[in-house]
Amino acid sequence: MASARTLEELHAIIRRLRFALESSDIGVWEHNLATDEIRWDPQMHALYQTGQSGEVIDPRHWTHSIHPDDHDKAIADFHAAVTARGAYSSDFRIILPSGDIRHIRSRAHYFDEDGPPVMLGAEWDITADVQLTRQLAEQKAIAEDRARALEESRRQIAYAAEHDYLTGLPNRRSLDQEFQRLCLSTLRRLAILHIDIDNFKQINDSFGHAGGDAVLAATAANIATEVPARSFSARIGGDEFVVLIPDFQSEAAVQAIADGIVRRQKNGARYGDKPIRTSVSIGVAWTVDGAIASLLADSDIALYAAKRAGRGRAEVFSAAMRAGIRRERQLAEQFKIGLERGEIVPFYQVQVDACTRRIVAMEALARWQHPDLGLLAPAAFMPMVERAGLAGQLDAAMLDAVLNDRRRWQALDLAVPRLSVNISAIRLNDPNLIAELEARAPEPETLSFELLETIFLDEIESDTVATLDRLKQMHIDLEVDDFGSGHASIVGLVKLKPDRLKIDRRLVMPVTDSAEQSSLVESIIGIARALNIEVIAEGVETEAHATLLTRIGCHILQGYAISRPAPAEDIIALLNAGRA
């Protein structure tokens, strides 16, 4: 009974084992190593889709089913396990009769206790697991790529936040951080170069922003070439650069670096096949005792001084510069107040017909009736006005004063000639200019605008051309001031078509002593006549000047030999006489 019960139990275990194997899709195989006979259970046949059911199979059925790329490794794994008489473990792909490729995991062990040596093993399909693992790996790779891309984006954003996109130099934010770091350090010696490209707006106007970018890039390269490797260079905006030089060797070395940048910049830049002439002004400041905090402001003051001294140069900061800047800023504030109080008044210098000496026009020249300093000529305040950006306000105030004087003179039944007033580039580009003129309604052909030498006639912007055309439609004459100073060319005259031009006094004054200078002025008059433009000679200091200029064909004379500038009240007598 005991053996019958044991046999029943054994059959039950076998049934359960078979059920478990069938349920798990695991196939069992046995390889007799002595006879090379291979036995497969039904599940193995199902895995390989043999369409057979016999236990014994041809060994080649297994080897021929293995994917060619996995064949050698699978066989090598098997032989290695046999040689070691140990466990066999291998994952490989098989090609089914349908052509499908499945991933198989095979596990077996070496047995030789009860008979010939055999490898008893099991196999199952792991295709779903492989695909899932592959998908997870792909998703992981995608996630890692995205993480790297995000990190790179963050790095680029951080870099862009601290660097200039065009030159690659650190920007103002980076400069502030570095300067703050140096201020908090124990550094004793620090030099600063504050660099500004001269006339950069005109470069942009002439060559476009692409040309301006070429100059900026060339300037950055020039700076990099000249400054020491330990320096910190930054583009802080527009056409400005700042260089920090810690632990500089000597003050002379810093000066040499600045001069080197100035010299190298004068080599110019190239935009395509076009050369661009350019220069820089540099403000230099240094300390040898750790007093770093004021250096940026000091270098800015020195830069201001370099521009005042003529540009294209380097200036080293001094205490006197700071005092001068303070005085000029105070003067600028006083000037603003003076404009509001009507302290800026016109003085008039008459212009006469060269032949008849009759008054044909008067130029209004600004004077400042300063409450403390008395009457100031333009030389005392015009440079400050231009640097402070107050030229437009001055032009507007002068025009109002001139129109008021004209109305007062007309009320006295005086024959008022054409009145000429200067107009700056700032005022000419003021979008409100035409509307303000229309509101003041000057009588036609009674007013003339003198275009100052700061307006480059060869490169007038389209908006400015439109303004000039509108002025002509309003019957306001246009005059070119300081012709021959190098700012206005014949091409510019043809383009602008002014009513008259005024020959620069520096050309007029030598005419009585130099035949060459006299011929030059006569040539200018000839060009103007050919273009139907009247010619005014300023700087007529003597009767000899007046006689010669009349003989060579000048239309109108102006200068101390004719009349000195006078206030509005003193002009009444001249207007009554009609002659200077």
Protein backbone atom coordinates (compact mmCIF):
# COMPACT_ATOMS: atom_id res chain seq x y z
CA MET A 1 0.00 0.00 0.00
CA ALA A 2 2.83 2.34 0.82
CA SER A 3 4.49 1.88 -2.58
CA ALA A 4 1.10 2.28 -4.39
CA ARG A 5 0.45 5.49 -2.45
CA THR A 6 3.93 6.74 -3.26
CA LEU A 7 3.42 6.00 -6.94
CA GLU A 8 0.11 7.91 -6.90
CA GLU A 9 1.81 10.82 -5.19
CA LEU A 10 4.55 10.74 -7.80
CA HIS A 11 1.97 10.81 -10.62
CA ALA A 12 0.19 13.71 -8.91
CA ILE A 13 3.45 15.64 -8.67
CA ILE A 14 4.15 14.96 -12.34
CA ARG A 15 0.65 16.16 -13.32
CA ARG A 16 1.05 19.33 -11.31
CA LEU A 17 4.51 19.93 -12.76
CA ARG A 18 3.22 19.41 -16.31
CA PHE A 19 0.33 21.80 -15.66
CA ALA A 20 2.70 24.37 -14.24
CA LEU A 21 5.00 24.10 -17.24
CA GLU A 22 2.12 24.35 -19.72
CA SER A 23 0.66 27.33 -17.88
CA SER A 24 3.98 29.16 -17.81
CA ASP A 25 4.86 28.50 -21.48
CA ILE A 26 8.17 27.06 -20.38
CA GLY A 27 9.58 24.29 -22.54
CA VAL A 28 11.80 21.53 -21.12
CA TRP A 29 14.58 19.79 -23.01
CA GLU A 30 17.16 17.12 -22.35
CA HIS A 31 20.40 16.68 -24.26
CA ASN A 32 22.17 13.31 -23.86
CA LEU A 33 25.80 14.22 -24.17
CA ALA A 34 26.87 10.62 -24.73
CA THR A 35 24.53 9.92 -27.65
CA ASP A 36 23.91 13.57 -28.70
CA GLU A 37 20.18 12.77 -28.51
CA ILE A 38 17.87 15.71 -27.80
CA ARG A 39 14.40 15.41 -26.34
CA TRP A 40 11.83 18.21 -26.36
CA ASP A 41 8.54 18.40 -24.56
CA PRO A 42 5.43 19.75 -26.38
CA GLN A 43 6.03 23.27 -25.05
CA MET A 44 9.46 23.35 -26.71
CA HIS A 45 7.82 22.44 -30.02
CA ALA A 46 5.32 25.25 -29.43
CA LEU A 47 8.12 27.76 -28.73
CA TYR A 48 9.91 26.87 -31.97
CA GLN A 49 6.65 26.29 -33.92
CA THR A 50 8.01 23.02 -35.32
CA GLY A 51 4.56 21.58 -36.02
CA GLN A 52 5.83 18.30 -34.52
CA SER A 53 5.16 16.44 -31.27
CA GLY A 54 7.81 13.73 -30.98
CA GLU A 55 10.16 13.88 -28.07
CA VAL A 56 13.36 13.16 -29.98
CA ILE A 57 14.44 15.84 -32.45
CA ASP A 58 17.30 16.34 -34.83
CA PRO A 59 20.00 18.46 -33.06
CA ARG A 60 20.24 20.60 -36.15
CA HIS A 61 16.66 21.76 -35.63
CA TRP A 62 17.82 23.83 -32.66
CA THR A 63 21.06 25.10 -34.16
CA HIS A 64 19.43 26.04 -37.47
CA SER A 65 16.68 27.99 -35.68
CA ILE A 66 19.12 30.29 -33.90
CA HIS A 67 19.52 33.73 -35.45
CA PRO A 68 22.79 33.89 -37.44
CA ASP A 69 24.03 36.86 -35.40
CA ASP A 70 23.50 34.93 -32.12
CA HIS A 71 24.46 31.42 -33.31
CA ASP A 72 28.14 31.31 -32.40
CA LYS A 73 27.61 32.79 -28.94
CA ALA A 74 24.74 30.40 -28.08
CA ILE A 75 26.76 27.32 -29.13
CA ALA A 76 29.84 28.65 -27.30
CA ASP A 77 27.78 29.17 -24.14
CA PHE A 78 26.51 25.56 -24.35
CA HIS A 79 29.95 24.02 -24.91
CA ALA A 80 31.40 26.09 -22.10
CA ALA A 81 28.76 24.73 -19.67
CA VAL A 82 29.41 21.15 -20.80
CA THR A 83 33.14 21.57 -20.42
CA ALA A 84 32.68 23.04 -16.96
CA ARG A 85 30.02 20.43 -16.12
CA GLY A 86 28.04 23.26 -14.67
CA ALA A 87 25.17 25.57 -15.35
CA TYR A 88 24.24 26.74 -18.84
CA SER A 89 22.77 30.19 -19.33
CA SER A 90 22.21 31.93 -22.62
CA ASP A 91 19.85 34.43 -24.21
CA PHE A 92 19.51 34.37 -28.00
CA ARG A 93 17.14 35.02 -30.83
CA ILE A 94 15.47 32.38 -32.98
CA ILE A 95 13.85 32.67 -36.40
CA LEU A 96 10.49 30.94 -36.58
CA PRO A 97 9.24 29.21 -39.74
CA SER A 98 6.91 32.20 -40.19
CA GLY A 99 9.93 34.47 -40.31
CA ASP A 100 9.15 36.09 -36.95
CA ILE A 101 12.06 36.65 -34.62
CA ARG A 102 11.65 35.76 -30.94
CA HIS A 103 13.93 36.23 -27.99
CA ILE A 104 14.60 33.02 -26.00
CA ARG A 105 16.12 32.54 -22.57
CA SER A 106 17.70 29.10 -22.03
CA ARG A 107 18.80 27.71 -18.66
CA ALA A 108 20.19 24.19 -17.97
CA HIS A 109 22.43 22.17 -15.69
CA TYR A 110 24.83 19.25 -16.12
CA PHE A 111 23.77 15.89 -14.60
CA ASP A 112 25.67 12.53 -14.58
CA GLU A 113 24.70 10.87 -11.25
CA ASP A 114 22.29 8.14 -12.44
CA GLY A 115 23.52 7.45 -15.99
CA PRO A 116 25.13 9.08 -18.97
CA PRO A 117 25.86 12.78 -18.74
CA VAL A 118 22.99 15.03 -19.77
CA MET A 119 22.16 18.72 -19.89
CA LEU A 120 18.64 19.20 -18.54
CA GLY A 121 17.21 22.57 -19.26
CA ALA A 122 14.26 24.84 -19.88
CA GLU A 123 13.52 27.67 -22.29
CA TRP A 124 10.94 30.38 -22.46
CA ASP A 125 10.01 33.35 -24.66
CA ILE A 126 11.28 36.67 -23.29
CA THR A 127 10.45 38.77 -26.36
CA ALA A 128 7.95 40.93 -24.43
CA ASP A 129 10.50 41.51 -21.66
CA VAL A 130 13.23 42.41 -24.19
CA GLN A 131 10.93 44.81 -25.98
CA LEU A 132 9.84 46.35 -22.70
CA THR A 133 13.45 46.68 -21.59
CA ARG A 134 14.36 48.21 -24.94
CA GLN A 135 11.46 50.67 -24.69
CA LEU A 136 12.47 51.58 -21.17
CA ALA A 137 16.05 52.06 -22.34
CA GLU A 138 14.85 54.23 -25.23
CA GLN A 139 12.66 56.26 -22.90
CA LYS A 140 15.55 56.57 -20.49
CA ALA A 141 17.81 57.70 -23.33
CA ILE A 142 15.18 60.20 -24.47
CA ALA A 143 14.79 61.47 -20.90
CA GLU A 144 18.56 61.74 -20.54
CA ASP A 145 18.81 63.57 -23.88
CA ARG A 146 16.08 65.94 -22.77
CA ALA A 147 17.81 66.46 -19.45
CA ARG A 148 21.07 67.18 -21.27
CA ALA A 149 19.26 69.52 -23.69
CA LEU A 150 17.59 71.26 -20.77
CA GLU A 151 20.90 71.61 -18.98
CA GLU A 152 22.50 72.92 -22.16
CA SER A 153 19.61 75.39 -22.59
CA ARG A 154 20.05 76.52 -19.02
CA ARG A 155 23.78 76.88 -19.62
CA GLN A 156 23.17 78.87 -22.79
CA ILE A 157 20.60 81.06 -21.05
CA ALA A 158 23.01 81.66 -18.19
CA TYR A 159 25.78 82.40 -20.70
CA ALA A 160 23.54 84.74 -22.71
CA ALA A 161 22.51 86.52 -19.52
CA GLU A 162 26.13 87.29 -18.77
CA HIS A 163 27.66 87.73 -22.24
CA ASP A 164 27.27 89.95 -25.27
CA TYR A 165 25.77 88.03 -28.19
CA LEU A 166 27.88 89.79 -30.85
CA THR A 167 31.41 89.89 -29.45
CA GLY A 168 31.15 87.01 -26.96
CA LEU A 169 32.53 89.29 -24.26
CA PRO A 170 30.98 89.47 -20.78
CA ASN A 171 28.21 92.06 -20.56
CA ARG A 172 27.37 94.82 -18.08
CA ARG A 173 25.87 92.36 -15.61
CA SER A 174 29.06 90.29 -15.58
CA LEU A 175 31.17 93.43 -15.25
CA ASP A 176 29.17 94.59 -12.23
CA GLN A 177 29.59 91.17 -10.59
CA GLU A 178 33.33 91.05 -11.29
CA PHE A 179 33.84 94.63 -10.13
CA GLN A 180 31.92 93.94 -6.94
CA ARG A 181 34.05 90.86 -6.34
CA LEU A 182 37.23 92.91 -6.77
CA CYS A 183 35.91 95.59 -4.43
CA LEU A 184 35.42 92.95 -1.71
CA SER A 185 38.82 91.36 -2.32
CA THR A 186 42.22 92.32 -0.94
CA LEU A 187 43.39 93.51 -4.36
CA ARG A 188 45.55 96.64 -4.16
CA ARG A 189 46.35 97.43 -7.80
CA LEU A 190 43.59 97.75 -10.39
CA ALA A 191 43.38 99.72 -13.65
CA ILE A 192 40.23 100.37 -15.68
CA LEU A 193 39.96 101.32 -19.35
CA HIS A 194 36.59 102.77 -20.39
CA ILE A 195 36.45 102.58 -24.20
CA ASP A 196 33.95 104.25 -26.51
CA ILE A 197 33.82 104.07 -30.32
CA ASP A 198 33.85 107.57 -31.79
CA ASN A 199 30.95 108.66 -34.01
CA PHE A 200 29.38 105.20 -33.87
CA LYS A 201 25.92 106.48 -34.83
CA GLN A 202 27.31 107.91 -38.04
CA ILE A 203 28.92 104.54 -38.81
CA ASN A 204 25.52 102.87 -38.38
CA ASP A 205 23.88 105.54 -40.52
CA SER A 206 26.49 105.18 -43.29
CA PHE A 207 26.99 101.40 -43.36
CA GLY A 208 23.86 100.08 -41.64
CA HIS A 209 23.75 98.02 -38.47
CA ALA A 210 25.69 95.19 -40.12
CA GLY A 211 28.55 97.61 -40.72
CA GLY A 212 28.27 98.79 -37.13
CA ASP A 213 28.44 95.16 -35.97
CA ALA A 214 31.63 94.70 -38.00
CA VAL A 215 33.19 97.67 -36.20
CA LEU A 216 32.09 96.33 -32.81
CA ALA A 217 33.59 92.92 -33.54
CA ALA A 218 36.84 94.50 -34.78
CA THR A 219 37.01 96.67 -31.65
CA ALA A 220 36.57 93.63 -29.39
CA ALA A 221 39.37 91.86 -31.29
CA ASN A 222 41.64 94.90 -30.96
CA ILE A 223 41.04 95.02 -27.22
CA ALA A 224 41.71 91.29 -26.84
CA THR A 225 44.98 91.66 -28.74
CA GLU A 226 46.31 94.49 -26.58
CA VAL A 227 45.21 93.69 -23.03
CA PRO A 228 46.98 91.14 -20.77
CA ALA A 229 45.56 87.63 -20.48
CA ARG A 230 44.57 88.18 -16.85
CA SER A 231 42.34 91.14 -17.80
CA PHE A 232 38.54 91.12 -17.69
CA SER A 233 37.03 92.72 -20.83
CA ALA A 234 33.32 93.47 -21.25
CA ARG A 235 31.01 95.16 -23.72
CA ILE A 236 28.64 97.06 -21.48
CA GLY A 237 26.22 98.21 -24.16
CA GLY A 238 26.06 100.05 -27.46
CA ASP A 239 29.57 101.09 -28.44
CA GLU A 240 31.10 100.99 -24.94
CA PHE A 241 33.65 98.55 -23.56
CA VAL A 242 35.33 98.29 -20.16
CA VAL A 243 38.57 96.49 -19.31
CA LEU A 244 39.66 95.61 -15.76
CA ILE A 245 43.40 94.99 -15.37
CA PRO A 246 44.24 93.63 -11.89
CA ASP A 247 47.82 93.72 -10.56
CA PHE A 248 49.07 95.78 -13.49
CA GLN A 249 52.83 96.07 -13.83
CA SER A 250 53.11 99.86 -13.90
CA GLU A 251 51.18 102.99 -14.75
CA ALA A 252 53.28 103.36 -17.89
CA ALA A 253 52.27 99.82 -18.92
CA VAL A 254 48.59 100.68 -18.55
CA GLN A 255 49.07 103.82 -20.61
CA ALA A 256 50.84 101.75 -23.28
CA ILE A 257 47.93 99.29 -23.40
CA ALA A 258 45.43 102.13 -23.89
CA ASP A 259 47.59 103.77 -26.56
CA GLY A 260 47.94 100.40 -28.29
CA ILE A 261 44.15 100.00 -28.52
CA VAL A 262 43.80 103.55 -29.88
CA ARG A 263 46.52 102.93 -32.45
CA ARG A 264 45.18 99.53 -33.54
CA GLN A 265 41.62 100.89 -33.88
CA LYS A 266 42.81 103.48 -36.39
CA ASN A 267 43.60 100.61 -38.78
CA GLY A 268 39.84 100.53 -39.32
CA ALA A 269 37.46 97.64 -39.94
CA ARG A 270 36.06 95.95 -43.02
CA TYR A 271 32.45 95.37 -43.92
CA GLY A 272 32.47 93.07 -46.92
CA ASP A 273 34.77 94.82 -49.37
CA LYS A 274 34.23 98.22 -47.76
CA PRO A 275 36.81 99.71 -45.38
CA ILE A 276 35.38 101.57 -42.39
CA ARG A 277 37.51 104.24 -40.76
CA THR A 278 37.03 104.32 -37.02
CA SER A 279 38.64 105.42 -33.79
CA VAL A 280 38.10 105.05 -30.06
CA SER A 281 38.32 107.33 -27.07
CA ILE A 282 39.55 105.80 -23.81
CA GLY A 283 39.26 106.92 -20.21
CA VAL A 284 41.93 105.45 -17.93
CA ALA A 285 41.85 105.23 -14.14
CA TRP A 286 43.93 103.20 -11.68
CA THR A 287 44.66 102.69 -8.03
CA VAL A 288 47.64 101.22 -6.21
CA ASP A 289 46.22 101.40 -2.69
CA GLY A 290 43.02 99.35 -2.97
CA ALA A 291 40.69 102.34 -3.46
CA ILE A 292 38.71 100.49 -6.12
CA ALA A 293 35.13 101.62 -5.52
CA SER A 294 35.41 104.96 -7.39
CA LEU A 295 37.42 103.69 -10.36
CA LEU A 296 34.49 103.07 -12.70
CA ALA A 297 33.22 106.61 -12.20
CA ASP A 298 36.76 107.98 -12.56
CA SER A 299 37.32 106.15 -15.86
CA ASP A 300 34.00 107.51 -17.14
CA ILE A 301 35.13 111.04 -16.33
CA ALA A 302 38.45 110.40 -18.09
CA LEU A 303 36.56 109.11 -21.14
CA TYR A 304 34.52 112.30 -21.18
CA ALA A 305 37.76 114.28 -21.10
CA ALA A 306 39.18 112.23 -23.99
CA LYS A 307 36.16 113.07 -26.12
CA ARG A 308 36.39 116.75 -25.20
CA ALA A 309 40.06 116.74 -26.18
CA GLY A 310 39.25 115.66 -29.72
CA ARG A 311 38.48 111.91 -29.62
CA GLY A 312 40.72 109.13 -30.91
CA ARG A 313 42.90 109.31 -27.80
CA ALA A 314 43.34 108.04 -24.24
CA GLU A 315 43.18 110.29 -21.19
CA VAL A 316 44.19 109.39 -17.63
CA PHE A 317 41.88 110.48 -14.82
CA SER A 318 42.86 113.35 -12.56
CA ALA A 319 41.12 115.16 -9.73
CA ALA A 320 40.97 118.26 -11.91
CA MET A 321 38.83 116.36 -14.39
CA ARG A 322 36.29 115.56 -11.70
CA ALA A 323 36.11 119.21 -10.73
CA GLY A 324 35.69 120.21 -14.39
CA ILE A 325 32.88 117.72 -14.88
CA ARG A 326 31.17 118.98 -11.76
CA ARG A 327 31.42 122.56 -13.03
CA GLU A 328 30.05 121.62 -16.45
CA ARG A 329 27.15 119.71 -14.94
CA GLN A 330 26.35 122.70 -12.77
CA LEU A 331 26.56 124.93 -15.83
CA ALA A 332 24.20 122.59 -17.70
CA GLU A 333 21.66 122.79 -14.88
CA GLN A 334 21.97 126.57 -14.85
CA PHE A 335 21.50 126.63 -18.61
CA LYS A 336 18.26 124.65 -18.34
CA ILE A 337 17.01 127.18 -15.79
CA GLY A 338 18.21 129.99 -18.05
CA LEU A 339 16.14 128.62 -20.92
CA GLU A 340 13.05 128.67 -18.72
CA ARG A 341 13.79 132.22 -17.52
CA GLY A 342 14.48 133.61 -21.00
CA GLU A 343 18.15 134.30 -20.27
CA ILE A 344 19.18 132.97 -23.69
CA VAL A 345 18.76 135.89 -26.09
CA PRO A 346 19.57 136.46 -29.76
CA PHE A 347 22.21 138.95 -30.89
CA TYR A 348 21.95 139.87 -34.54
CA GLN A 349 24.73 140.26 -37.08
CA VAL A 350 23.61 141.82 -40.31
CA GLN A 351 24.42 140.48 -43.77
CA VAL A 352 24.68 142.92 -46.67
CA ASP A 353 24.51 142.71 -50.43
CA ALA A 354 28.12 142.68 -51.59
CA CYS A 355 27.49 145.26 -54.28
CA THR A 356 25.01 147.69 -52.71
CA ARG A 357 25.89 147.15 -49.03
CA ARG A 358 22.20 147.20 -48.27
CA ILE A 359 21.01 144.89 -45.45
CA VAL A 360 19.48 141.72 -46.90
CA ALA A 361 19.45 139.44 -43.87
CA MET A 362 20.47 139.06 -40.23
CA GLU A 363 21.88 136.00 -38.48
CA ALA A 364 20.67 135.38 -34.94
CA LEU A 365 23.52 134.35 -32.63
CA ALA A 366 22.84 132.98 -29.14
CA ARG A 367 24.03 134.85 -26.07
CA TRP A 368 23.48 133.88 -22.46
CA GLN A 369 22.65 136.68 -20.09
CA HIS A 370 23.97 134.82 -17.02
CA PRO A 371 22.75 136.29 -13.70
CA ASP A 372 26.21 135.98 -12.10
CA LEU A 373 28.71 135.76 -14.95
CA GLY A 374 27.20 138.41 -17.19
CA LEU A 375 26.84 138.15 -20.96
CA LEU A 376 28.36 134.91 -22.26
CA ALA A 377 29.32 134.28 -25.89
CA PRO A 378 28.63 130.87 -27.47
CA ALA A 379 32.20 129.67 -26.89
CA ALA A 380 31.51 129.73 -23.13
CA PHE A 381 28.49 127.41 -23.26
CA MET A 382 27.96 125.80 -26.69
CA PRO A 383 30.35 122.87 -26.13
CA MET A 384 28.50 122.10 -22.90
CA VAL A 385 25.12 122.48 -24.64
CA GLU A 386 26.07 119.96 -27.33
CA ARG A 387 27.54 117.45 -24.88
CA ALA A 388 24.52 117.73 -22.60
CA GLY A 389 22.12 117.18 -25.50
CA LEU A 390 20.49 120.60 -25.06
CA ALA A 391 21.04 121.86 -28.62
CA GLY A 392 17.46 121.13 -29.64
CA GLN A 393 16.06 123.08 -26.69
CA LEU A 394 18.39 125.98 -27.47
CA ASP A 395 17.27 126.02 -31.13
CA ALA A 396 13.61 126.11 -30.10
CA ALA A 397 14.17 128.94 -27.61
CA MET A 398 16.16 130.97 -30.14
CA LEU A 399 13.50 130.55 -32.83
CA ASP A 400 10.78 131.77 -30.47
CA ALA A 401 12.89 134.78 -29.45
CA VAL A 402 13.68 135.66 -33.09
CA LEU A 403 10.03 135.46 -34.14
CA ASN A 404 9.06 137.64 -31.17
CA ASP A 405 11.69 140.24 -32.12
CA ARG A 406 10.44 140.21 -35.69
CA ARG A 407 6.88 140.91 -34.56
CA ARG A 408 8.09 143.79 -32.34
CA TRP A 409 10.07 145.33 -35.20
CA GLN A 410 7.16 145.02 -37.58
CA ALA A 411 4.97 146.75 -35.00
CA LEU A 412 7.38 149.69 -35.31
CA ASP A 413 6.82 149.72 -39.11
CA LEU A 414 10.40 148.62 -39.73
CA ALA A 415 11.36 146.76 -42.91
CA VAL A 416 12.63 143.53 -41.41
CA PRO A 417 14.96 141.51 -43.64
CA ARG A 418 15.25 137.71 -43.72
CA LEU A 419 16.26 136.31 -40.34
CA SER A 420 18.64 133.36 -40.18
CA VAL A 421 18.77 130.96 -37.23
CA ASN A 422 20.95 127.93 -36.65
CA ILE A 423 19.36 124.48 -36.50
CA SER A 424 21.14 121.46 -35.07
CA ALA A 425 20.85 117.87 -36.22
CA ILE A 426 18.92 117.05 -33.03
CA ARG A 427 16.37 119.75 -33.73
CA LEU A 428 16.14 118.86 -37.41
CA ASN A 429 15.27 115.26 -36.47
CA ASP A 430 12.71 116.30 -33.86
CA PRO A 431 9.39 114.76 -34.99
CA ASN A 432 7.55 117.76 -33.50
CA LEU A 433 9.52 120.38 -35.46
CA ILE A 434 7.10 120.82 -38.38
CA ALA A 435 4.03 120.96 -36.14
CA GLU A 436 5.69 123.59 -33.93
CA LEU A 437 6.63 125.68 -36.97
CA GLU A 438 3.10 125.44 -38.36
CA ALA A 439 1.77 126.62 -34.99
CA ARG A 440 4.13 129.66 -35.07
CA ALA A 441 3.22 130.37 -38.72
CA PRO A 442 6.29 132.33 -39.86
CA GLU A 443 5.65 134.47 -42.92
CA PRO A 444 6.88 132.87 -46.15
CA GLU A 445 10.42 133.80 -47.25
CA THR A 446 11.22 135.63 -44.01
CA LEU A 447 13.09 132.84 -42.23
CA SER A 448 16.18 130.84 -43.04
CA PHE A 449 17.61 127.80 -41.26
CA GLU A 450 21.37 127.36 -41.19
CA LEU A 451 22.36 123.71 -41.17
CA LEU A 452 25.24 123.38 -38.75
CA GLU A 453 28.45 121.62 -39.70
CA THR A 454 27.51 118.60 -37.57
CA ILE A 455 24.99 117.60 -40.27
CA PHE A 456 26.70 115.39 -42.86
CA LEU A 457 25.05 116.19 -46.15
CA ASP A 458 26.22 113.07 -47.99
CA GLU A 459 24.46 110.71 -45.56
CA ILE A 460 21.20 112.46 -44.73
CA GLU A 461 18.57 110.01 -43.52
CA SER A 462 15.30 109.71 -45.39
CA ASP A 463 13.31 111.20 -42.48
CA THR A 464 15.61 114.23 -42.45
CA VAL A 465 15.25 114.65 -46.23
CA ALA A 466 11.47 114.61 -45.79
CA THR A 467 11.74 117.31 -43.09
CA LEU A 468 13.93 119.49 -45.32
CA ASP A 469 11.46 119.14 -48.19
CA ARG A 470 8.64 120.16 -45.86
CA LEU A 471 10.60 123.24 -44.78
CA LYS A 472 11.00 124.25 -48.42
CA GLN A 473 7.26 123.83 -48.94
CA MET A 474 6.76 126.23 -46.02
CA HIS A 475 9.03 128.73 -47.87
CA ILE A 476 11.71 128.53 -45.20
CA ASP A 477 15.13 128.95 -46.81
CA LEU A 478 17.97 126.49 -46.19
CA GLU A 479 21.59 127.54 -45.82
CA VAL A 480 24.72 125.45 -45.42
CA ASP A 481 26.99 126.83 -42.71
CA ASP A 482 30.80 126.54 -42.66
CA PHE A 483 31.09 125.26 -46.22
CA GLY A 484 34.64 124.12 -46.89
CA SER A 485 35.17 122.71 -43.38
CA GLY A 486 35.03 119.19 -44.77
CA HIS A 487 31.48 118.27 -43.73
CA ALA A 488 29.54 119.35 -46.82
CA SER A 489 30.49 118.18 -50.30
CA ILE A 490 29.40 119.10 -53.81
CA VAL A 491 27.39 115.85 -53.90
CA GLY A 492 25.68 116.99 -50.73
CA LEU A 493 24.87 120.37 -52.25
CA VAL A 494 23.29 118.77 -55.30
CA LYS A 495 21.23 116.49 -53.07
CA LEU A 496 20.12 119.20 -50.64
CA LYS A 497 19.72 122.10 -53.13
CA PRO A 498 20.08 124.84 -50.48
CA ASP A 499 19.23 128.45 -51.17
CA ARG A 500 22.69 129.62 -50.16
CA LEU A 501 25.93 128.47 -48.61
CA LYS A 502 28.23 130.28 -46.23
CA ILE A 503 31.96 129.92 -46.83
CA ASP A 504 33.87 129.03 -43.66
CA ARG A 505 35.67 132.04 -42.12
CA ARG A 506 38.91 130.03 -42.05
CA LEU A 507 38.88 130.10 -45.85
CA VAL A 508 37.75 133.73 -46.10
CA MET A 509 40.17 135.46 -43.75
CA PRO A 510 43.42 134.61 -45.63
CA VAL A 511 42.11 135.68 -49.08
CA THR A 512 43.75 139.13 -48.98
CA ASP A 513 47.17 137.65 -48.22
CA SER A 514 47.13 134.47 -50.30
CA ALA A 515 46.47 134.23 -54.04
CA GLU A 516 46.02 130.48 -53.61
CA GLN A 517 43.36 130.99 -50.94
CA SER A 518 41.66 133.63 -53.06
CA SER A 519 41.53 131.21 -56.02
CA LEU A 520 40.07 128.51 -53.79
CA VAL A 521 37.26 130.77 -52.58
CA GLU A 522 36.62 131.94 -56.15
CA SER A 523 36.31 128.29 -57.21
CA ILE A 524 33.74 127.66 -54.48
CA ILE A 525 31.77 130.69 -55.64
CA GLY A 526 31.90 129.36 -59.20
CA ILE A 527 30.54 125.98 -58.13
CA ALA A 528 27.73 127.64 -56.17
CA ARG A 529 26.79 129.87 -59.10
CA ALA A 530 26.69 126.82 -61.38
CA LEU A 531 24.19 125.25 -58.97
CA ASN A 532 22.22 128.52 -58.68
CA ILE A 533 23.14 128.86 -55.00
CA GLU A 534 23.87 132.24 -53.39
CA VAL A 535 27.17 132.62 -51.52
CA ILE A 536 27.66 134.28 -48.13
CA ALA A 537 31.21 135.03 -46.95
CA GLU A 538 31.56 135.16 -43.18
CA GLY A 539 34.64 136.44 -41.43
CA VAL A 540 34.80 139.66 -43.46
CA GLU A 541 37.10 141.55 -41.09
CA THR A 542 38.35 144.46 -43.26
CA GLU A 543 37.28 146.60 -46.17
CA ALA A 544 39.96 144.83 -48.21
CA HIS A 545 38.16 141.56 -47.56
CA ALA A 546 34.87 143.08 -48.65
CA THR A 547 36.33 144.56 -51.85
CA LEU A 548 38.10 141.37 -52.92
CA LEU A 549 35.15 139.10 -52.13
CA THR A 550 32.82 141.37 -54.08
CA ARG A 551 35.19 141.34 -57.06
CA ILE A 552 35.41 137.52 -57.22
CA GLY A 553 31.62 137.21 -57.18
CA CYS A 554 30.45 136.72 -53.60
CA HIS A 555 26.79 137.68 -53.15
CA ILE A 556 26.49 138.50 -49.45
CA LEU A 557 29.02 139.69 -46.84
CA GLN A 558 29.05 139.13 -43.08
CA GLY A 559 31.67 140.00 -40.50
CA TYR A 560 33.10 142.62 -38.18
CA ALA A 561 33.92 144.91 -41.12
CA ILE A 562 30.18 145.03 -41.80
CA SER A 563 28.65 144.87 -38.33
CA ARG A 564 29.28 143.31 -34.96
CA PRO A 565 26.53 141.20 -33.32
CA ALA A 566 24.12 143.43 -31.40
CA PRO A 567 21.05 142.97 -29.20
CA ALA A 568 17.56 143.42 -30.63
CA GLU A 569 17.18 146.97 -29.30
CA ASP A 570 20.36 148.16 -31.02
CA ILE A 571 19.26 146.72 -34.35
CA ILE A 572 16.39 149.22 -34.69
CA ALA A 573 18.71 152.01 -35.86
CA LEU A 574 20.27 149.79 -38.51
CA LEU A 575 16.88 148.75 -39.78
CA ASN A 576 15.83 152.39 -39.98
CA ALA A 577 18.91 153.19 -42.05
CA GLY A 578 18.71 150.05 -44.13
CA ARG A 579 22.50 149.89 -44.18
CA ALA A 580 25.18 148.56 -41.85
